[in-house]
């Protein structure tokens, strides 16, 4: 691959040339790509919400899990309540952090004869748009590129 043929590369795993789009372990010929664009992949927030709900249920002692007789252990007086509060608040905190910190991801969505695929997925929207611009430049007719 000649240096002048490369329209875009991130230096690691994505390259767009005049003939193909190459991601980590896939190569797509640009002549086989019939449609392309940006897709927004919304994060899955359900696991975080389930952690929050489970923590609230434990906090309200809905399962009665921290009854000293449940584990057949003898906790010192007041220790089971502290353990109960610590575990419930930890689970709620994990759920809140997961729900807040998970990010949207963006993908280069291409259509080939095989169907739609997400060729490159990134949390950086600008990176995806740079790849799309390189594909657009490569698919332009040669006369309009000034070649």
N, C-alpha and C. Protein backbone atom coordinates (compact mmCIF):
# COMPACT_ATOMS: atom_id res chain seq x y z
N UNK A 1 0.85 -1.18 0.00
CA UNK A 1 0.00 0.00 0.00
C UNK A 1 0.89 1.24 0.00
N UNK A 2 0.75 2.05 -1.04
CA UNK A 2 1.55 3.26 -1.15
C UNK A 2 1.02 4.32 -0.21
N UNK A 3 1.92 5.18 0.24
CA UNK A 3 1.53 6.23 1.18
C UNK A 3 0.50 7.17 0.57
N UNK A 4 0.61 7.48 -0.75
CA UNK A 4 -0.33 8.43 -1.35
C UNK A 4 -1.72 7.82 -1.55
N UNK A 5 -1.82 6.49 -1.52
CA UNK A 5 -3.11 5.84 -1.67
C UNK A 5 -3.95 5.90 -0.40
N UNK A 6 -3.33 6.10 0.75
CA UNK A 6 -4.03 6.11 2.02
C UNK A 6 -4.73 7.47 2.20
N UNK A 7 -6.05 7.43 2.30
CA UNK A 7 -6.83 8.65 2.51
C UNK A 7 -6.99 8.97 3.99
N UNK A 8 -7.06 7.93 4.80
CA UNK A 8 -7.20 8.13 6.24
C UNK A 8 -6.64 6.90 6.95
N UNK A 9 -5.96 7.13 8.05
CA UNK A 9 -5.56 6.06 8.95
C UNK A 9 -5.45 6.63 10.35
N UNK A 10 -5.79 5.83 11.32
CA UNK A 10 -5.60 6.27 12.70
C UNK A 10 -4.27 5.75 13.25
N UNK A 11 -3.50 5.08 12.39
CA UNK A 11 -2.18 4.61 12.79
C UNK A 11 -2.18 3.26 13.45
N UNK A 12 -3.33 2.71 13.74
CA UNK A 12 -3.37 1.42 14.42
C UNK A 12 -4.17 0.39 13.64
N UNK A 13 -5.49 0.53 13.63
CA UNK A 13 -6.30 -0.56 13.11
C UNK A 13 -7.32 -0.14 12.04
N UNK A 14 -7.34 1.11 11.64
CA UNK A 14 -8.29 1.56 10.62
C UNK A 14 -7.54 2.30 9.53
N UNK A 15 -7.83 1.92 8.28
CA UNK A 15 -7.23 2.62 7.14
C UNK A 15 -8.25 2.65 6.01
N UNK A 16 -8.30 3.78 5.32
CA UNK A 16 -9.14 3.93 4.14
C UNK A 16 -8.21 4.28 2.99
N UNK A 17 -8.26 3.45 1.94
CA UNK A 17 -7.47 3.70 0.75
C UNK A 17 -8.42 3.98 -0.40
N UNK A 18 -7.86 4.14 -1.61
CA UNK A 18 -8.69 4.37 -2.79
C UNK A 18 -9.56 3.16 -3.10
N UNK A 19 -9.16 1.97 -2.64
CA UNK A 19 -9.86 0.75 -3.01
C UNK A 19 -10.60 0.06 -1.87
N UNK A 20 -10.17 0.28 -0.63
CA UNK A 20 -10.80 -0.48 0.45
C UNK A 20 -10.79 0.23 1.80
N UNK A 21 -11.70 -0.24 2.63
CA UNK A 21 -11.77 0.17 4.04
C UNK A 21 -11.27 -1.03 4.83
N UNK A 22 -10.25 -0.80 5.64
CA UNK A 22 -9.68 -1.88 6.44
C UNK A 22 -9.85 -1.53 7.91
N UNK A 23 -10.57 -2.40 8.64
CA UNK A 23 -10.68 -2.25 10.09
C UNK A 23 -9.84 -3.36 10.71
N UNK A 24 -9.97 -3.58 12.00
CA UNK A 24 -9.09 -4.52 12.72
C UNK A 24 -8.79 -5.79 11.93
N UNK A 25 -9.78 -6.61 11.71
CA UNK A 25 -9.52 -7.85 10.99
C UNK A 25 -10.47 -8.04 9.81
N UNK A 26 -11.05 -6.99 9.31
CA UNK A 26 -11.93 -7.06 8.15
C UNK A 26 -11.48 -6.09 7.09
N UNK A 27 -11.65 -6.49 5.84
CA UNK A 27 -11.37 -5.61 4.72
C UNK A 27 -12.62 -5.54 3.85
N UNK A 28 -13.01 -4.34 3.48
CA UNK A 28 -14.19 -4.12 2.65
C UNK A 28 -13.75 -3.37 1.40
N UNK A 29 -14.02 -3.93 0.23
CA UNK A 29 -13.73 -3.23 -1.01
C UNK A 29 -14.76 -2.12 -1.17
N UNK A 30 -14.31 -0.93 -1.52
CA UNK A 30 -15.21 0.22 -1.64
C UNK A 30 -16.21 0.04 -2.78
N UNK A 31 -15.86 -0.74 -3.79
CA UNK A 31 -16.81 -0.98 -4.88
C UNK A 31 -17.97 -1.85 -4.40
N UNK A 32 -17.76 -2.63 -3.35
CA UNK A 32 -18.81 -3.48 -2.82
C UNK A 32 -19.70 -2.79 -1.79
N UNK A 33 -19.31 -1.59 -1.37
CA UNK A 33 -20.11 -0.83 -0.40
C UNK A 33 -21.12 -0.01 -1.18
N UNK A 34 -22.41 -0.33 -0.99
CA UNK A 34 -23.46 0.37 -1.72
C UNK A 34 -24.00 1.57 -0.96
N UNK A 35 -23.90 1.56 0.34
CA UNK A 35 -24.40 2.66 1.16
C UNK A 35 -23.56 2.73 2.43
N UNK A 36 -23.41 3.92 2.99
CA UNK A 36 -22.63 4.08 4.21
C UNK A 36 -23.12 5.30 4.97
N UNK A 37 -22.85 5.31 6.26
CA UNK A 37 -23.26 6.42 7.09
C UNK A 37 -22.84 6.21 8.53
N UNK A 38 -23.32 7.10 9.39
CA UNK A 38 -23.00 7.03 10.82
C UNK A 38 -24.20 6.48 11.57
N UNK A 39 -23.95 5.58 12.46
CA UNK A 39 -25.00 5.03 13.31
C UNK A 39 -24.66 5.34 14.77
N UNK A 40 -25.66 5.73 15.53
CA UNK A 40 -25.47 5.99 16.95
C UNK A 40 -25.95 4.77 17.72
N UNK A 41 -25.07 4.21 18.53
CA UNK A 41 -25.39 3.04 19.34
C UNK A 41 -25.65 3.49 20.76
N UNK A 42 -26.90 3.43 21.16
CA UNK A 42 -27.27 3.83 22.51
C UNK A 42 -26.79 2.79 23.52
N UNK A 43 -26.33 3.23 24.67
CA UNK A 43 -25.82 2.28 25.67
C UNK A 43 -26.97 1.50 26.33
N UNK A 44 -26.64 0.32 26.80
CA UNK A 44 -27.59 -0.51 27.54
C UNK A 44 -27.60 -0.06 29.00
N UNK A 45 -28.67 0.54 29.42
CA UNK A 45 -28.76 1.04 30.79
C UNK A 45 -29.48 0.05 31.72
N UNK A 46 -30.03 -1.01 31.16
CA UNK A 46 -30.78 -1.97 31.97
C UNK A 46 -29.94 -2.61 33.08
N UNK A 47 -28.69 -3.04 32.85
CA UNK A 47 -27.93 -3.63 33.96
C UNK A 47 -27.75 -2.67 35.14
N UNK A 48 -27.49 -1.40 34.86
CA UNK A 48 -27.34 -0.43 35.94
C UNK A 48 -28.64 -0.24 36.71
N UNK A 49 -29.75 -0.18 35.98
CA UNK A 49 -31.05 -0.03 36.65
C UNK A 49 -31.39 -1.26 37.48
N UNK A 50 -31.02 -2.45 37.00
CA UNK A 50 -31.28 -3.66 37.77
C UNK A 50 -30.46 -3.68 39.07
N UNK A 51 -29.22 -3.19 39.01
CA UNK A 51 -28.41 -3.08 40.22
C UNK A 51 -29.05 -2.11 41.21
N UNK A 52 -29.55 -0.97 40.72
CA UNK A 52 -30.19 0.00 41.61
C UNK A 52 -31.43 -0.60 42.25
N UNK A 53 -32.25 -1.29 41.47
CA UNK A 53 -33.46 -1.91 42.01
C UNK A 53 -33.12 -2.99 43.03
N UNK A 54 -32.10 -3.81 42.71
CA UNK A 54 -31.69 -4.87 43.66
C UNK A 54 -31.18 -4.26 44.95
N UNK A 55 -30.41 -3.18 44.85
CA UNK A 55 -29.90 -2.51 46.05
C UNK A 55 -31.02 -1.94 46.90
N UNK A 56 -32.03 -1.37 46.25
CA UNK A 56 -33.17 -0.82 47.00
C UNK A 56 -33.95 -1.94 47.67
N UNK A 57 -34.12 -3.05 46.97
CA UNK A 57 -34.83 -4.19 47.58
C UNK A 57 -34.06 -4.73 48.79
N UNK A 58 -32.75 -4.81 48.66
CA UNK A 58 -31.96 -5.27 49.80
C UNK A 58 -32.00 -4.25 50.92
N UNK A 59 -31.98 -2.97 50.56
CA UNK A 59 -32.02 -1.92 51.57
C UNK A 59 -33.34 -1.97 52.37
N UNK A 60 -34.42 -2.25 51.68
CA UNK A 60 -35.70 -2.34 52.37
C UNK A 60 -35.91 -3.72 52.99
N UNK A 61 -34.90 -4.56 52.84
CA UNK A 61 -34.92 -5.91 53.41
C UNK A 61 -36.07 -6.74 52.86
N UNK A 62 -36.34 -6.53 51.57
CA UNK A 62 -37.40 -7.27 50.91
C UNK A 62 -37.15 -8.76 50.85
N UNK A 63 -35.88 -9.16 50.75
CA UNK A 63 -35.56 -10.57 50.68
C UNK A 63 -35.32 -11.18 52.05
N UNK A 64 -35.19 -10.36 53.04
CA UNK A 64 -34.89 -10.81 54.39
C UNK A 64 -33.60 -11.64 54.41
N UNK A 65 -32.63 -11.22 53.60
CA UNK A 65 -31.39 -11.96 53.47
C UNK A 65 -30.48 -11.80 54.68
N UNK A 66 -30.61 -10.70 55.36
CA UNK A 66 -29.66 -10.43 56.42
C UNK A 66 -30.23 -10.73 57.80
N UNK A 67 -31.16 -11.61 57.83
CA UNK A 67 -31.64 -12.14 59.09
C UNK A 67 -30.52 -13.03 59.63
N UNK A 68 -30.08 -12.83 60.87
CA UNK A 68 -28.97 -13.63 61.39
C UNK A 68 -29.22 -15.13 61.33
N UNK A 69 -30.45 -15.55 61.35
CA UNK A 69 -30.74 -16.98 61.30
C UNK A 69 -30.68 -17.53 59.87
N UNK A 70 -30.69 -16.63 58.88
CA UNK A 70 -30.68 -17.07 57.49
C UNK A 70 -29.37 -17.78 57.14
N UNK A 71 -28.26 -17.22 57.56
CA UNK A 71 -26.95 -17.81 57.27
C UNK A 71 -26.50 -18.79 58.36
N UNK A 72 -27.30 -18.93 59.37
CA UNK A 72 -26.96 -19.76 60.53
C UNK A 72 -25.65 -19.29 61.18
N UNK A 73 -25.42 -17.99 61.08
CA UNK A 73 -24.26 -17.39 61.71
C UNK A 73 -24.73 -16.49 62.83
N UNK A 74 -23.91 -16.27 63.78
CA UNK A 74 -24.25 -15.38 64.88
C UNK A 74 -23.42 -14.11 64.74
N UNK A 75 -24.05 -13.05 64.26
CA UNK A 75 -23.38 -11.77 64.15
C UNK A 75 -23.46 -11.06 65.48
N UNK A 76 -22.46 -10.25 65.80
CA UNK A 76 -22.57 -9.41 66.99
C UNK A 76 -23.76 -8.47 66.84
N UNK A 77 -24.28 -8.05 67.95
CA UNK A 77 -25.48 -7.21 67.94
C UNK A 77 -25.20 -5.93 67.13
N UNK A 78 -26.03 -5.67 66.15
CA UNK A 78 -25.91 -4.48 65.32
C UNK A 78 -25.04 -4.68 64.09
N UNK A 79 -24.26 -5.76 64.04
CA UNK A 79 -23.37 -5.98 62.90
C UNK A 79 -24.15 -6.34 61.65
N UNK A 80 -25.24 -7.08 61.81
CA UNK A 80 -26.00 -7.48 60.62
C UNK A 80 -26.66 -6.27 59.97
N UNK A 81 -27.08 -5.28 60.76
CA UNK A 81 -27.67 -4.08 60.19
C UNK A 81 -26.62 -3.26 59.43
N UNK A 82 -25.41 -3.18 59.99
CA UNK A 82 -24.33 -2.46 59.31
C UNK A 82 -23.94 -3.16 58.02
N UNK A 83 -23.84 -4.47 58.05
CA UNK A 83 -23.51 -5.23 56.86
C UNK A 83 -24.61 -5.06 55.80
N UNK A 84 -25.83 -5.12 56.24
CA UNK A 84 -26.99 -4.94 55.37
C UNK A 84 -26.93 -3.58 54.68
N UNK A 85 -26.66 -2.54 55.42
CA UNK A 85 -26.59 -1.18 54.87
C UNK A 85 -25.40 -1.03 53.94
N UNK A 86 -24.26 -1.60 54.29
CA UNK A 86 -23.05 -1.51 53.47
C UNK A 86 -23.23 -2.20 52.12
N UNK A 87 -23.76 -3.40 52.12
CA UNK A 87 -23.94 -4.15 50.87
C UNK A 87 -24.98 -3.47 49.99
N UNK A 88 -26.10 -3.06 50.57
CA UNK A 88 -27.16 -2.42 49.78
C UNK A 88 -26.68 -1.11 49.17
N UNK A 89 -25.99 -0.30 49.95
CA UNK A 89 -25.52 0.98 49.41
C UNK A 89 -24.42 0.77 48.36
N UNK A 90 -23.60 -0.26 48.51
CA UNK A 90 -22.58 -0.56 47.51
C UNK A 90 -23.21 -0.98 46.19
N UNK A 91 -24.23 -1.80 46.25
CA UNK A 91 -24.91 -2.24 45.02
C UNK A 91 -25.60 -1.07 44.35
N UNK A 92 -26.23 -0.19 45.11
CA UNK A 92 -26.88 1.00 44.53
C UNK A 92 -25.82 1.91 43.90
N UNK A 93 -24.70 2.10 44.57
CA UNK A 93 -23.64 2.95 44.04
C UNK A 93 -23.07 2.40 42.73
N UNK A 94 -22.87 1.08 42.67
CA UNK A 94 -22.39 0.45 41.44
C UNK A 94 -23.38 0.68 40.31
N UNK A 95 -24.67 0.53 40.58
CA UNK A 95 -25.70 0.76 39.57
C UNK A 95 -25.73 2.19 39.09
N UNK A 96 -25.61 3.14 40.00
CA UNK A 96 -25.62 4.56 39.62
C UNK A 96 -24.39 4.91 38.78
N UNK A 97 -23.23 4.43 39.21
CA UNK A 97 -22.00 4.71 38.45
C UNK A 97 -22.06 4.10 37.05
N UNK A 98 -22.55 2.88 36.95
CA UNK A 98 -22.66 2.22 35.65
C UNK A 98 -23.61 3.00 34.75
N UNK A 99 -24.73 3.43 35.28
CA UNK A 99 -25.72 4.15 34.47
C UNK A 99 -25.20 5.50 34.02
N UNK A 100 -24.44 6.18 34.86
CA UNK A 100 -23.93 7.51 34.52
C UNK A 100 -22.73 7.42 33.59
N UNK A 101 -21.81 6.51 33.84
CA UNK A 101 -20.54 6.50 33.12
C UNK A 101 -20.58 5.83 31.76
N UNK A 102 -21.59 5.03 31.47
CA UNK A 102 -21.65 4.38 30.17
C UNK A 102 -21.94 5.43 29.10
N UNK A 103 -21.25 5.33 27.96
CA UNK A 103 -21.32 6.36 26.94
C UNK A 103 -21.99 5.86 25.67
N UNK A 104 -22.42 6.82 24.86
CA UNK A 104 -22.88 6.50 23.51
C UNK A 104 -21.68 6.08 22.69
N UNK A 105 -21.93 5.21 21.73
CA UNK A 105 -20.89 4.84 20.79
C UNK A 105 -21.39 5.13 19.39
N UNK A 106 -20.46 5.33 18.50
CA UNK A 106 -20.79 5.66 17.11
C UNK A 106 -20.14 4.62 16.21
N UNK A 107 -20.81 4.33 15.09
CA UNK A 107 -20.31 3.30 14.20
C UNK A 107 -20.34 3.78 12.76
N UNK A 108 -19.38 3.29 11.98
CA UNK A 108 -19.43 3.46 10.53
C UNK A 108 -20.29 2.31 10.04
N UNK A 109 -21.49 2.64 9.60
CA UNK A 109 -22.45 1.63 9.15
C UNK A 109 -22.37 1.55 7.64
N UNK A 110 -22.05 0.36 7.14
CA UNK A 110 -21.94 0.18 5.70
C UNK A 110 -22.94 -0.89 5.26
N UNK A 111 -23.35 -0.78 4.00
CA UNK A 111 -24.21 -1.79 3.42
C UNK A 111 -23.48 -2.44 2.26
N UNK A 112 -23.38 -3.75 2.32
CA UNK A 112 -22.76 -4.52 1.25
C UNK A 112 -23.80 -5.51 0.74
N UNK A 113 -23.39 -6.40 -0.15
CA UNK A 113 -24.30 -7.43 -0.64
C UNK A 113 -24.75 -8.35 0.48
N UNK A 114 -23.97 -8.44 1.54
CA UNK A 114 -24.29 -9.30 2.68
C UNK A 114 -25.25 -8.64 3.65
N UNK A 115 -25.46 -7.33 3.54
CA UNK A 115 -26.34 -6.60 4.44
C UNK A 115 -25.61 -5.49 5.16
N UNK A 116 -26.25 -4.95 6.18
CA UNK A 116 -25.66 -3.86 6.96
C UNK A 116 -24.65 -4.41 7.95
N UNK A 117 -23.57 -3.65 8.16
CA UNK A 117 -22.56 -4.01 9.15
C UNK A 117 -22.04 -2.75 9.80
N UNK A 118 -21.59 -2.89 11.01
CA UNK A 118 -20.87 -1.82 11.68
C UNK A 118 -19.39 -2.12 11.50
N UNK A 119 -18.78 -1.42 10.56
CA UNK A 119 -17.38 -1.70 10.21
C UNK A 119 -16.44 -1.22 11.30
N UNK A 120 -16.66 -0.03 11.83
CA UNK A 120 -15.81 0.54 12.87
C UNK A 120 -16.73 1.11 13.95
N UNK A 121 -16.46 0.77 15.19
CA UNK A 121 -17.23 1.30 16.32
C UNK A 121 -16.28 2.07 17.22
N UNK A 122 -16.69 3.29 17.60
CA UNK A 122 -15.83 4.14 18.42
C UNK A 122 -16.70 5.01 19.32
N UNK A 123 -16.14 5.42 20.43
CA UNK A 123 -16.85 6.36 21.30
C UNK A 123 -16.57 7.80 20.87
N UNK A 124 -15.65 7.98 19.91
CA UNK A 124 -15.29 9.30 19.41
C UNK A 124 -16.03 9.57 18.10
N UNK A 125 -16.96 10.50 18.13
CA UNK A 125 -17.78 10.80 16.96
C UNK A 125 -16.94 11.38 15.83
N UNK A 126 -15.96 12.20 16.19
CA UNK A 126 -15.09 12.83 15.19
C UNK A 126 -14.31 11.78 14.41
N UNK A 127 -13.85 10.74 15.08
CA UNK A 127 -13.12 9.65 14.42
C UNK A 127 -13.99 8.99 13.36
N UNK A 128 -15.24 8.74 13.67
CA UNK A 128 -16.16 8.11 12.72
C UNK A 128 -16.40 9.02 11.53
N UNK A 129 -16.57 10.32 11.77
CA UNK A 129 -16.80 11.26 10.67
C UNK A 129 -15.57 11.40 9.77
N UNK A 130 -14.38 11.29 10.32
CA UNK A 130 -13.17 11.32 9.50
C UNK A 130 -13.11 10.11 8.57
N UNK A 131 -13.51 8.95 9.09
CA UNK A 131 -13.54 7.74 8.26
C UNK A 131 -14.58 7.89 7.16
N UNK A 132 -15.76 8.41 7.50
CA UNK A 132 -16.81 8.60 6.50
C UNK A 132 -16.39 9.60 5.42
N UNK A 133 -15.70 10.66 5.80
CA UNK A 133 -15.21 11.63 4.81
C UNK A 133 -14.18 10.99 3.88
N UNK A 134 -13.34 10.14 4.42
CA UNK A 134 -12.35 9.46 3.59
C UNK A 134 -13.03 8.50 2.61
N UNK A 135 -14.06 7.79 3.07
CA UNK A 135 -14.81 6.90 2.17
C UNK A 135 -15.49 7.73 1.08
N UNK A 136 -16.06 8.86 1.46
CA UNK A 136 -16.73 9.74 0.50
C UNK A 136 -15.74 10.22 -0.57
N UNK A 137 -14.55 10.62 -0.14
CA UNK A 137 -13.53 11.08 -1.10
C UNK A 137 -13.10 9.94 -2.02
N UNK A 138 -12.97 8.73 -1.47
CA UNK A 138 -12.54 7.59 -2.28
C UNK A 138 -13.60 7.17 -3.29
N UNK A 139 -14.87 7.34 -2.96
CA UNK A 139 -15.95 6.92 -3.85
C UNK A 139 -16.32 7.98 -4.88
N UNK A 140 -15.78 9.19 -4.74
CA UNK A 140 -16.06 10.22 -5.73
C UNK A 140 -15.49 9.80 -7.08
N UNK A 141 -16.16 10.16 -8.17
CA UNK A 141 -15.58 9.86 -9.49
C UNK A 141 -14.23 10.56 -9.64
N UNK A 142 -13.32 9.95 -10.37
CA UNK A 142 -11.96 10.48 -10.53
C UNK A 142 -11.97 11.89 -11.12
N UNK A 143 -12.88 12.19 -12.02
CA UNK A 143 -12.91 13.51 -12.65
C UNK A 143 -13.20 14.61 -11.64
N UNK A 144 -14.06 14.35 -10.66
CA UNK A 144 -14.39 15.38 -9.67
C UNK A 144 -13.32 15.51 -8.59
N UNK A 145 -12.42 14.51 -8.49
CA UNK A 145 -11.33 14.58 -7.52
C UNK A 145 -10.15 15.35 -8.07
N UNK A 146 -10.16 15.64 -9.36
CA UNK A 146 -9.05 16.36 -9.95
C UNK A 146 -7.89 15.46 -10.30
N UNK A 147 -8.15 14.19 -10.54
CA UNK A 147 -7.09 13.22 -10.87
C UNK A 147 -7.03 13.04 -12.37
